[in-house]
């Protein structure tokens, strides 16, 4: 039997949300791993960006969930991974050492 299913293609929005989730998570992991105030310019950039990245970190899982529901909860969607990255990062931020 031959299946007539079309392959799932991630939309541009799902790719953007996934990349933004990786950037927000990487920002917090990098800031946690190194002393950002050791160098003046790195500390200044960190101080400028911390609030927008924090907003992204909490809003991207919600955006991913709504877009995942809009995609009819497709397993191949990048929204699942974006949401998982955001939720794990929030849990580690809140409960981690």
Protein backbone atom coordinates (compact mmCIF):
# COMPACT_ATOMS: atom_id res chain seq x y z
CA UNK A 1 0.00 0.00 0.00
CA UNK A 2 1.16 3.43 -0.85
CA UNK A 3 0.52 6.26 1.59
CA UNK A 4 -0.51 9.60 0.18
CA UNK A 5 0.65 11.64 3.15
CA UNK A 6 2.51 14.83 2.52
CA UNK A 7 5.68 15.47 4.51
CA UNK A 8 5.42 18.02 7.30
CA UNK A 9 7.36 21.22 6.73
CA UNK A 10 8.12 23.55 9.60
CA UNK A 11 6.96 27.09 9.02
CA UNK A 12 9.21 30.13 9.15
CA UNK A 13 7.58 31.12 12.45
CA UNK A 14 8.42 27.80 14.09
CA UNK A 15 12.06 28.12 13.03
CA UNK A 16 12.26 31.69 14.37
CA UNK A 17 10.68 30.74 17.71
CA UNK A 18 13.03 27.76 18.02
CA UNK A 19 16.12 29.88 17.32
CA UNK A 20 14.96 32.55 19.78
CA UNK A 21 14.48 29.86 22.43
CA UNK A 22 18.02 28.62 21.88
CA UNK A 23 19.38 32.18 22.04
CA UNK A 24 17.52 32.97 25.28
CA UNK A 25 18.64 29.73 26.90
CA UNK A 26 22.20 30.19 25.72
CA UNK A 27 22.23 33.74 27.09
CA UNK A 28 21.28 32.61 30.59
CA UNK A 29 23.61 29.60 30.56
CA UNK A 30 26.50 31.77 29.39
CA UNK A 31 25.77 34.41 32.01
CA UNK A 32 25.58 31.73 34.69
CA UNK A 33 28.80 30.07 33.58
CA UNK A 34 31.09 33.08 33.30
CA UNK A 35 31.58 36.26 35.27
CA UNK A 36 30.00 38.84 32.98
CA UNK A 37 31.23 41.74 35.09
CA UNK A 38 34.88 40.74 34.67
CA UNK A 39 34.98 42.82 31.48
CA UNK A 40 33.23 46.18 31.33
CA UNK A 41 31.81 45.87 27.83
CA UNK A 42 30.42 42.36 28.43
CA UNK A 43 28.81 43.54 31.67
CA UNK A 44 27.26 46.54 29.90
CA UNK A 45 25.83 44.36 27.13
CA UNK A 46 24.49 41.91 29.73
CA UNK A 47 22.79 44.73 31.64
CA UNK A 48 21.16 46.06 28.48
CA UNK A 49 19.87 42.68 27.32
CA UNK A 50 18.78 40.91 30.51
CA UNK A 51 15.20 42.24 30.64
CA UNK A 52 14.28 41.52 26.97
CA UNK A 53 15.81 38.05 27.21
CA UNK A 54 13.94 37.37 30.44
CA UNK A 55 10.71 38.40 28.73
CA UNK A 56 11.51 36.11 25.81
CA UNK A 57 12.29 33.28 28.16
CA UNK A 58 8.87 33.42 29.80
CA UNK A 59 6.81 34.29 26.70
CA UNK A 60 8.31 31.88 24.15
CA UNK A 61 6.93 28.68 25.76
CA UNK A 62 3.45 30.25 25.74
CA UNK A 63 3.84 31.29 22.11
CA UNK A 64 5.13 27.82 21.26
CA UNK A 65 2.16 26.18 22.96
CA UNK A 66 -0.37 28.31 21.09
CA UNK A 67 1.36 27.68 17.76
CA UNK A 68 1.60 23.97 18.55
CA UNK A 69 -2.13 23.83 19.12
CA UNK A 70 -2.62 25.77 15.90
CA UNK A 71 -0.49 23.12 14.09
CA UNK A 72 -2.86 20.47 15.53
CA UNK A 73 -0.17 19.10 17.87
CA UNK A 74 2.07 17.69 15.17
CA UNK A 75 4.93 15.64 16.61
CA UNK A 76 7.37 16.83 13.96
CA UNK A 77 6.86 20.50 14.79
CA UNK A 78 9.72 22.53 16.23
CA UNK A 79 7.28 24.13 18.68
CA UNK A 80 7.50 21.09 20.96
CA UNK A 81 11.26 21.42 21.22
CA UNK A 82 11.09 25.16 21.66
CA UNK A 83 8.57 24.78 24.46
CA UNK A 84 10.66 22.09 26.16
CA UNK A 85 13.81 24.22 25.99
CA UNK A 86 11.99 27.16 27.54
CA UNK A 87 10.30 25.16 30.29
CA UNK A 88 13.49 23.33 31.26
CA UNK A 89 15.39 26.60 31.35
CA UNK A 90 12.74 28.25 33.55
CA UNK A 91 12.73 25.28 35.94
CA UNK A 92 16.50 25.37 36.21
CA UNK A 93 16.46 29.14 36.75
CA UNK A 94 13.86 28.96 39.51
CA UNK A 95 14.88 25.77 41.31
CA UNK A 96 18.52 25.35 40.29
CA UNK A 97 21.50 26.36 42.32
